[in-house]
Amino acid sequence: MTSRVKDKVGGVNPQTLDILKREITRLLKRDKVYRYNDYSIGQMAEQLNINKRYVSLTIRHCFNTNFTTLLNVYRIKEAER
């Protein structure tokens, strides 16, 4: 097994994870998708044009949490302002 394969997370290379992390952050900070009560991981995946498995994997790996908790963190931060 090469080190390149070992560096992959769930079959996704680190560069792709970094891109997805930036895109998820953009949706949260610029588009404020967390404001929609019924916003789902499926909707985020559709907006990013990827499978929801990759959204979940990226959030778990890059944000150390899950989709729902990530949205709630942004909701709480906004409520505190």
PDB file of N, CA and C in Angstrom:
ATOM      1  N   MET A   1       0.848  -1.182   0.000  1.00  0.00           N
ATOM      2  CA  MET A   1       0.000   0.000   0.000  1.00  0.00           C
ATOM      3  C   MET A   1       0.891   1.241   0.000  1.00  0.00           C
ATOM      4  N   THR A   2       0.630   2.161  -0.866  1.00  0.00           N
ATOM      5  CA  THR A   2       1.456   3.360  -0.939  1.00  0.00           C
ATOM      6  C   THR A   2       1.005   4.377   0.102  1.00  0.00           C
ATOM      7  N   SER A   3       1.880   5.330   0.398  1.00  0.00           N
ATOM      8  CA  SER A   3       1.527   6.354   1.374  1.00  0.00           C
ATOM      9  C   SER A   3       0.398   7.236   0.854  1.00  0.00           C
ATOM     10  N   ARG A   4       0.284   7.361  -0.472  1.00  0.00           N
ATOM     11  CA  ARG A   4      -0.791   8.152  -1.056  1.00  0.00           C
ATOM     12  C   ARG A   4      -2.154   7.565  -0.686  1.00  0.00           C
ATOM     13  N   VAL A   5      -2.259   6.266  -0.736  1.00  0.00           N
ATOM     14  CA  VAL A   5      -3.517   5.612  -0.385  1.00  0.00           C
ATOM     15  C   VAL A   5      -3.787   5.777   1.110  1.00  0.00           C
ATOM     16  N   LYS A   6      -2.748   5.662   1.927  1.00  0.00           N
ATOM     17  CA  LYS A   6      -2.904   5.796   3.376  1.00  0.00           C
ATOM     18  C   LYS A   6      -3.400   7.195   3.748  1.00  0.00           C
ATOM     19  N   ASP A   7      -3.019   8.185   2.965  1.00  0.00           N
ATOM     20  CA  ASP A   7      -3.412   9.555   3.268  1.00  0.00           C
ATOM     21  C   ASP A   7      -4.866   9.839   2.941  1.00  0.00           C
ATOM     22  N   LYS A   8      -5.494   8.962   2.187  1.00  0.00           N
ATOM     23  CA  LYS A   8      -6.892   9.165   1.829  1.00  0.00           C
ATOM     24  C   LYS A   8      -7.784   8.903   3.034  1.00  0.00           C
ATOM     25  N   VAL A   9      -8.851   9.653   3.107  1.00  0.00           N
ATOM     26  CA  VAL A   9      -9.844   9.485   4.169  1.00  0.00           C
ATOM     27  C   VAL A   9     -11.125   9.005   3.508  1.00  0.00           C
ATOM     28  N   GLY A  10     -11.510   7.787   3.798  1.00  0.00           N
ATOM     29  CA  GLY A  10     -12.716   7.241   3.194  1.00  0.00           C
ATOM     30  C   GLY A  10     -12.674   7.236   1.680  1.00  0.00           C
ATOM     31  N   GLY A  11     -11.480   7.085   1.119  1.00  0.00           N
ATOM     32  CA  GLY A  11     -11.319   7.063  -0.323  1.00  0.00           C
ATOM     33  C   GLY A  11     -11.217   8.439  -0.964  1.00  0.00           C
ATOM     34  N   VAL A  12     -11.168   9.485  -0.142  1.00  0.00           N
ATOM     35  CA  VAL A  12     -11.090  10.853  -0.647  1.00  0.00           C
ATOM     36  C   VAL A  12      -9.715  11.416  -0.309  1.00  0.00           C
ATOM     37  N   ASN A  13      -9.060  12.013  -1.304  1.00  0.00           N
ATOM     38  CA  ASN A  13      -7.720  12.539  -1.036  1.00  0.00           C
ATOM     39  C   ASN A  13      -7.798  13.846  -0.249  1.00  0.00           C
ATOM     40  N   PRO A  14      -6.728  14.199   0.448  1.00  0.00           N
ATOM     41  CA  PRO A  14      -6.722  15.390   1.303  1.00  0.00           C
ATOM     42  C   PRO A  14      -7.030  16.691   0.555  1.00  0.00           C
ATOM     43  N   GLN A  15      -6.590  16.794  -0.685  1.00  0.00           N
ATOM     44  CA  GLN A  15      -6.855  18.017  -1.455  1.00  0.00           C
ATOM     45  C   GLN A  15      -8.355  18.195  -1.702  1.00  0.00           C
ATOM     46  N   THR A  16      -9.019  17.097  -2.009  1.00  0.00           N
ATOM     47  CA  THR A  16     -10.466  17.147  -2.230  1.00  0.00           C
ATOM     48  C   THR A  16     -11.184  17.506  -0.939  1.00  0.00           C
ATOM     49  N   LEU A  17     -10.746  16.937   0.177  1.00  0.00           N
ATOM     50  CA  LEU A  17     -11.347  17.268   1.469  1.00  0.00           C
ATOM     51  C   LEU A  17     -11.198  18.754   1.771  1.00  0.00           C
ATOM     52  N   ASP A  18     -10.039  19.303   1.460  1.00  0.00           N
ATOM     53  CA  ASP A  18      -9.802  20.726   1.706  1.00  0.00           C
ATOM     54  C   ASP A  18     -10.740  21.588   0.866  1.00  0.00           C
ATOM     55  N   ILE A  19     -10.920  21.227  -0.383  1.00  0.00           N
ATOM     56  CA  ILE A  19     -11.838  21.957  -1.271  1.00  0.00           C
ATOM     57  C   ILE A  19     -13.262  21.866  -0.737  1.00  0.00           C
ATOM     58  N   LEU A  20     -13.673  20.666  -0.355  1.00  0.00           N
ATOM     59  CA  LEU A  20     -15.032  20.485   0.170  1.00  0.00           C
ATOM     60  C   LEU A  20     -15.228  21.254   1.471  1.00  0.00           C
ATOM     61  N   LYS A  21     -14.205  21.275   2.310  1.00  0.00           N
ATOM     62  CA  LYS A  21     -14.283  22.036   3.567  1.00  0.00           C
ATOM     63  C   LYS A  21     -14.511  23.516   3.269  1.00  0.00           C
ATOM     64  N   ARG A  22     -13.781  24.061   2.313  1.00  0.00           N
ATOM     65  CA  ARG A  22     -13.947  25.466   1.950  1.00  0.00           C
ATOM     66  C   ARG A  22     -15.345  25.738   1.390  1.00  0.00           C
ATOM     67  N   GLU A  23     -15.852  24.817   0.585  1.00  0.00           N
ATOM     68  CA  GLU A  23     -17.183  24.992   0.005  1.00  0.00           C
ATOM     69  C   GLU A  23     -18.279  24.905   1.070  1.00  0.00           C
ATOM     70  N   ILE A  24     -18.124  23.994   2.011  1.00  0.00           N
ATOM     71  CA  ILE A  24     -19.086  23.881   3.118  1.00  0.00           C
ATOM     72  C   ILE A  24     -19.043  25.143   3.963  1.00  0.00           C
ATOM     73  N   THR A  25     -17.850  25.627   4.243  1.00  0.00           N
ATOM     74  CA  THR A  25     -17.691  26.859   5.019  1.00  0.00           C
ATOM     75  C   THR A  25     -18.337  28.039   4.294  1.00  0.00           C
ATOM     76  N   ARG A  26     -18.182  28.088   2.991  1.00  0.00           N
ATOM     77  CA  ARG A  26     -18.800  29.160   2.194  1.00  0.00           C
ATOM     78  C   ARG A  26     -20.319  29.115   2.332  1.00  0.00           C
ATOM     79  N   LEU A  27     -20.886  27.915   2.232  1.00  0.00           N
ATOM     80  CA  LEU A  27     -22.337  27.783   2.370  1.00  0.00           C
ATOM     81  C   LEU A  27     -22.813  28.250   3.751  1.00  0.00           C
ATOM     82  N   LEU A  28     -22.014  27.969   4.752  1.00  0.00           N
ATOM     83  CA  LEU A  28     -22.390  28.341   6.112  1.00  0.00           C
ATOM     84  C   LEU A  28     -22.190  29.828   6.376  1.00  0.00           C
ATOM     85  N   LYS A  29     -21.051  30.365   5.983  1.00  0.00           N
ATOM     86  CA  LYS A  29     -20.736  31.759   6.306  1.00  0.00           C
ATOM     87  C   LYS A  29     -21.373  32.758   5.345  1.00  0.00           C
ATOM     88  N   ARG A  30     -21.281  32.509   4.067  1.00  0.00           N
ATOM     89  CA  ARG A  30     -21.785  33.473   3.095  1.00  0.00           C
ATOM     90  C   ARG A  30     -23.278  33.277   2.828  1.00  0.00           C
ATOM     91  N   ASP A  31     -23.660  32.041   2.583  1.00  0.00           N
ATOM     92  CA  ASP A  31     -25.056  31.762   2.225  1.00  0.00           C
ATOM     93  C   ASP A  31     -25.955  31.549   3.443  1.00  0.00           C
ATOM     94  N   LYS A  32     -25.341  31.352   4.597  1.00  0.00           N
ATOM     95  CA  LYS A  32     -26.068  31.179   5.863  1.00  0.00           C
ATOM     96  C   LYS A  32     -27.178  30.123   5.773  1.00  0.00           C
ATOM     97  N   VAL A  33     -26.827  28.970   5.208  1.00  0.00           N
ATOM     98  CA  VAL A  33     -27.813  27.904   5.015  1.00  0.00           C
ATOM     99  C   VAL A  33     -28.359  27.365   6.334  1.00  0.00           C
ATOM    100  N   TYR A  34     -27.638  27.587   7.424  1.00  0.00           N
ATOM    101  CA  TYR A  34     -28.085  27.105   8.738  1.00  0.00           C
ATOM    102  C   TYR A  34     -29.364  27.813   9.192  1.00  0.00           C
ATOM    103  N   ARG A  35     -29.712  28.913   8.551  1.00  0.00           N
ATOM    104  CA  ARG A  35     -30.933  29.643   8.919  1.00  0.00           C
ATOM    105  C   ARG A  35     -32.205  28.910   8.518  1.00  0.00           C
ATOM    106  N   TYR A  36     -32.091  27.965   7.620  1.00  0.00           N
ATOM    107  CA  TYR A  36     -33.257  27.209   7.163  1.00  0.00           C
ATOM    108  C   TYR A  36     -33.476  26.019   8.095  1.00  0.00           C
ATOM    109  N   ASN A  37     -34.608  26.019   8.780  1.00  0.00           N
ATOM    110  CA  ASN A  37     -34.900  24.966   9.763  1.00  0.00           C
ATOM    111  C   ASN A  37     -34.894  23.573   9.167  1.00  0.00           C
ATOM    112  N   ASP A  38     -35.329  23.453   7.929  1.00  0.00           N
ATOM    113  CA  ASP A  38     -35.441  22.137   7.318  1.00  0.00           C
ATOM    114  C   ASP A  38     -34.267  21.802   6.394  1.00  0.00           C
ATOM    115  N   TYR A  39     -33.189  22.561   6.505  1.00  0.00           N
ATOM    116  CA  TYR A  39     -32.024  22.327   5.647  1.00  0.00           C
ATOM    117  C   TYR A  39     -31.416  20.970   5.978  1.00  0.00           C
ATOM    118  N   SER A  40     -31.118  20.196   4.944  1.00  0.00           N
ATOM    119  CA  SER A  40     -30.639  18.829   5.163  1.00  0.00           C
ATOM    120  C   SER A  40     -29.279  18.597   4.513  1.00  0.00           C
ATOM    121  N   ILE A  41     -28.660  17.529   4.919  1.00  0.00           N
ATOM    122  CA  ILE A  41     -27.386  17.145   4.329  1.00  0.00           C
ATOM    123  C   ILE A  41     -27.557  16.840   2.836  1.00  0.00           C
ATOM    124  N   GLY A  42     -28.722  16.338   2.478  1.00  0.00           N
ATOM    125  CA  GLY A  42     -29.021  16.083   1.070  1.00  0.00           C
ATOM    126  C   GLY A  42     -29.063  17.371   0.255  1.00  0.00           C
ATOM    127  N   GLN A  43     -29.631  18.425   0.847  1.00  0.00           N
ATOM    128  CA  GLN A  43     -29.663  19.720   0.164  1.00  0.00           C
ATOM    129  C   GLN A  43     -28.255  20.286   0.002  1.00  0.00           C
ATOM    130  N   MET A  44     -27.444  20.143   1.044  1.00  0.00           N
ATOM    131  CA  MET A  44     -26.072  20.629   0.952  1.00  0.00           C
ATOM    132  C   MET A  44     -25.323  19.866  -0.137  1.00  0.00           C
ATOM    133  N   ALA A  45     -25.492  18.563  -0.154  1.00  0.00           N
ATOM    134  CA  ALA A  45     -24.833  17.741  -1.164  1.00  0.00           C
ATOM    135  C   ALA A  45     -25.259  18.163  -2.567  1.00  0.00           C
ATOM    136  N   GLU A  46     -26.540  18.440  -2.723  1.00  0.00           N
ATOM    137  CA  GLU A  46     -27.055  18.874  -4.023  1.00  0.00           C
ATOM    138  C   GLU A  46     -26.432  20.214  -4.423  1.00  0.00           C
ATOM    139  N   GLN A  47     -26.336  21.141  -3.477  1.00  0.00           N
ATOM    140  CA  GLN A  47     -25.734  22.442  -3.771  1.00  0.00           C
ATOM    141  C   GLN A  47     -24.261  22.311  -4.149  1.00  0.00           C
ATOM    142  N   LEU A  48     -23.588  21.343  -3.535  1.00  0.00           N
ATOM    143  CA  LEU A  48     -22.165  21.130  -3.812  1.00  0.00           C
ATOM    144  C   LEU A  48     -21.952  20.182  -4.985  1.00  0.00           C
ATOM    145  N   ASN A  49     -23.046  19.615  -5.458  1.00  0.00           N
ATOM    146  CA  ASN A  49     -22.992  18.696  -6.598  1.00  0.00           C
ATOM    147  C   ASN A  49     -22.163  17.443  -6.293  1.00  0.00           C
ATOM    148  N   ILE A  50     -22.333  16.932  -5.077  1.00  0.00           N
ATOM    149  CA  ILE A  50     -21.625  15.719  -4.656  1.00  0.00           C
ATOM    150  C   ILE A  50     -22.588  14.820  -3.884  1.00  0.00           C
ATOM    151  N   ASN A  51     -22.141  13.620  -3.605  1.00  0.00           N
ATOM    152  CA  ASN A  51     -22.906  12.658  -2.831  1.00  0.00           C
ATOM    153  C   ASN A  51     -22.911  13.076  -1.361  1.00  0.00           C
ATOM    154  N   LYS A  52     -24.032  12.863  -0.671  1.00  0.00           N
ATOM    155  CA  LYS A  52     -24.102  13.272   0.738  1.00  0.00           C
ATOM    156  C   LYS A  52     -23.120  12.512   1.626  1.00  0.00           C
ATOM    157  N   ARG A  53     -22.688  11.339   1.186  1.00  0.00           N
ATOM    158  CA  ARG A  53     -21.661  10.607   1.932  1.00  0.00           C
ATOM    159  C   ARG A  53     -20.379  11.438   2.039  1.00  0.00           C
ATOM    160  N   TYR A  54     -20.038  12.150   0.963  1.00  0.00           N
ATOM    161  CA  TYR A  54     -18.820  12.968   0.973  1.00  0.00           C
ATOM    162  C   TYR A  54     -18.989  14.212   1.836  1.00  0.00           C
ATOM    163  N   VAL A  55     -20.191  14.744   1.892  1.00  0.00           N
ATOM    164  CA  VAL A  55     -20.460  15.872   2.786  1.00  0.00           C
ATOM    165  C   VAL A  55     -20.258  15.406   4.227  1.00  0.00           C
ATOM    166  N   SER A  56     -20.858  14.287   4.568  1.00  0.00           N
ATOM    167  CA  SER A  56     -20.752  13.742   5.910  1.00  0.00           C
ATOM    168  C   SER A  56     -19.300  13.435   6.275  1.00  0.00           C
ATOM    169  N   LEU A  57     -18.593  12.796   5.375  1.00  0.00           N
ATOM    170  CA  LEU A  57     -17.195  12.443   5.610  1.00  0.00           C
ATOM    171  C   LEU A  57     -16.348  13.697   5.828  1.00  0.00           C
ATOM    172  N   THR A  58     -16.568  14.718   5.016  1.00  0.00           N
ATOM    173  CA  THR A  58     -15.808  15.963   5.138  1.00  0.00           C
ATOM    174  C   THR A  58     -16.098  16.651   6.463  1.00  0.00           C
ATOM    175  N   ILE A  59     -17.355  16.714   6.842  1.00  0.00           N
ATOM    176  CA  ILE A  59     -17.714  17.352   8.109  1.00  0.00           C
ATOM    177  C   ILE A  59     -17.110  16.585   9.279  1.00  0.00           C
ATOM    178  N   ARG A  60     -17.208  15.270   9.235  1.00  0.00           N
ATOM    179  CA  ARG A  60     -16.629  14.456  10.310  1.00  0.00           C
ATOM    180  C   ARG A  60     -15.128  14.657  10.405  1.00  0.00           C
ATOM    181  N   HIS A  61     -14.449  14.622   9.267  1.00  0.00           N
ATOM    182  CA  HIS A  61     -12.984  14.686   9.261  1.00  0.00           C
ATOM    183  C   HIS A  61     -12.445  16.102   9.483  1.00  0.00           C
ATOM    184  N   CYS A  62     -13.037  17.083   8.832  1.00  0.00           N
ATOM    185  CA  CYS A  62     -12.486  18.447   8.865  1.00  0.00           C
ATOM    186  C   CYS A  62     -13.040  19.321   9.995  1.00  0.00           C
ATOM    187  N   PHE A  63     -14.267  19.039  10.428  1.00  0.00           N
ATOM    188  CA  PHE A  63     -14.884  19.853  11.477  1.00  0.00           C
ATOM    189  C   PHE A  63     -15.029  19.077  12.789  1.00  0.00           C
ATOM    190  N   ASN A  64     -14.693  17.804  12.779  1.00  0.00           N
ATOM    191  CA  ASN A  64     -14.759  16.934  13.966  1.00  0.00           C
ATOM    192  C   ASN A  64     -16.141  16.930  14.624  1.00  0.00           C
ATOM    193  N   THR A  65     -17.167  16.868  13.793  1.00  0.00           N
ATOM    194  CA  THR A  65     -18.538  16.838  14.297  1.00  0.00           C
ATOM    195  C   THR A  65     -19.433  16.218  13.231  1.00  0.00           C
ATOM    196  N   ASN A  66     -20.733  16.291  13.441  1.00  0.00           N
ATOM    197  CA  ASN A  66     -21.658  15.807  12.415  1.00  0.00           C
ATOM    198  C   ASN A  66     -22.429  16.982  11.824  1.00  0.00           C
ATOM    199  N   PHE A  67     -23.208  16.723  10.801  1.00  0.00           N
ATOM    200  CA  PHE A  67     -23.925  17.766  10.069  1.00  0.00           C
ATOM    201  C   PHE A  67     -24.825  18.597  10.981  1.00  0.00           C
ATOM    202  N   THR A  68     -25.660  17.945  11.757  1.00  0.00           N
ATOM    203  CA  THR A  68     -26.617  18.642  12.609  1.00  0.00           C
ATOM    204  C   THR A  68     -25.917  19.528  13.632  1.00  0.00           C
ATOM    205  N   THR A  69     -24.893  19.003  14.260  1.00  0.00           N
ATOM    206  CA  THR A  69     -24.159  19.775  15.259  1.00  0.00           C
ATOM    207  C   THR A  69     -23.457  20.962  14.619  1.00  0.00           C
ATOM    208  N   LEU A  70     -22.901  20.776  13.434  1.00  0.00           N
ATOM    209  CA  LEU A  70     -22.245  21.876  12.737  1.00  0.00           C
ATOM    210  C   LEU A  70     -23.230  23.013  12.471  1.00  0.00           C
ATOM    211  N   LEU A  71     -24.415  22.695  11.978  1.00  0.00           N
ATOM    212  CA  LEU A  71     -25.434  23.727  11.753  1.00  0.00           C
ATOM    213  C   LEU A  71     -25.811  24.412  13.058  1.00  0.00           C
ATOM    214  N   ASN A  72     -25.968  23.634  14.108  1.00  0.00           N
ATOM    215  CA  ASN A  72     -26.355  24.204  15.397  1.00  0.00           C
ATOM    216  C   ASN A  72     -25.292  25.129  15.966  1.00  0.00           C
ATOM    217  N   VAL A  73     -24.030  24.833  15.745  1.00  0.00           N
ATOM    218  CA  VAL A  73     -22.944  25.710  16.194  1.00  0.00           C
ATOM    219  C   VAL A  73     -23.093  27.080  15.535  1.00  0.00           C
ATOM    220  N   TYR A  74     -23.352  27.095  14.233  1.00  0.00           N
ATOM    221  CA  TYR A  74     -23.538  28.365  13.525  1.00  0.00           C
ATOM    222  C   TYR A  74     -24.796  29.076  13.994  1.00  0.00           C
ATOM    223  N   ARG A  75     -25.845  28.334  14.287  1.00  0.00           N
ATOM    224  CA  ARG A  75     -27.087  28.936  14.780  1.00  0.00           C
ATOM    225  C   ARG A  75     -26.865  29.586  16.141  1.00  0.00           C
ATOM    226  N   ILE A  76     -26.145  28.908  16.993  1.00  0.00           N
ATOM    227  CA  ILE A  76     -25.865  29.438  18.339  1.00  0.00           C
ATOM    228  C   ILE A  76     -25.001  30.686  18.239  1.00  0.00           C
ATOM    229  N   LYS A  77     -23.963  30.642  17.410  1.00  0.00           N
ATOM    230  CA  LYS A  77     -23.089  31.815  17.244  1.00  0.00           C
ATOM    231  C   LYS A  77     -23.894  33.018  16.782  1.00  0.00           C
ATOM    232  N   GLU A  78     -24.828  32.817  15.865  1.00  0.00           N
ATOM    233  CA  GLU A  78     -25.635  33.921  15.362  1.00  0.00           C
ATOM    234  C   GLU A  78     -26.566  34.444  16.445  1.00  0.00           C
ATOM    235  N   ALA A  79     -27.126  33.556  17.244  1.00  0.00           N
ATOM    236  CA  ALA A  79     -28.038  33.967  18.316  1.00  0.00           C
ATOM    237  C   ALA A  79     -27.300  34.771  19.394  1.00  0.00           C
ATOM    238  N   GLU A  80     -26.018  34.486  19.573  1.00  0.00           N
ATOM    239  CA  GLU A  80     -25.227  35.192  20.578  1.00  0.00           C
ATOM    240  C   GLU A  80     -24.872  36.608  20.158  1.00  0.00           C
ATOM    241  N   ARG A  81     -24.963  36.901  18.859  1.00  0.00           N
ATOM    242  CA  ARG A  81     -24.602  38.253  18.379  1.00  0.00           C
ATOM    243  C   ARG A  81     -25.637  39.266  18.716  1.00  0.00           C
TER     244      ARG A  81
END
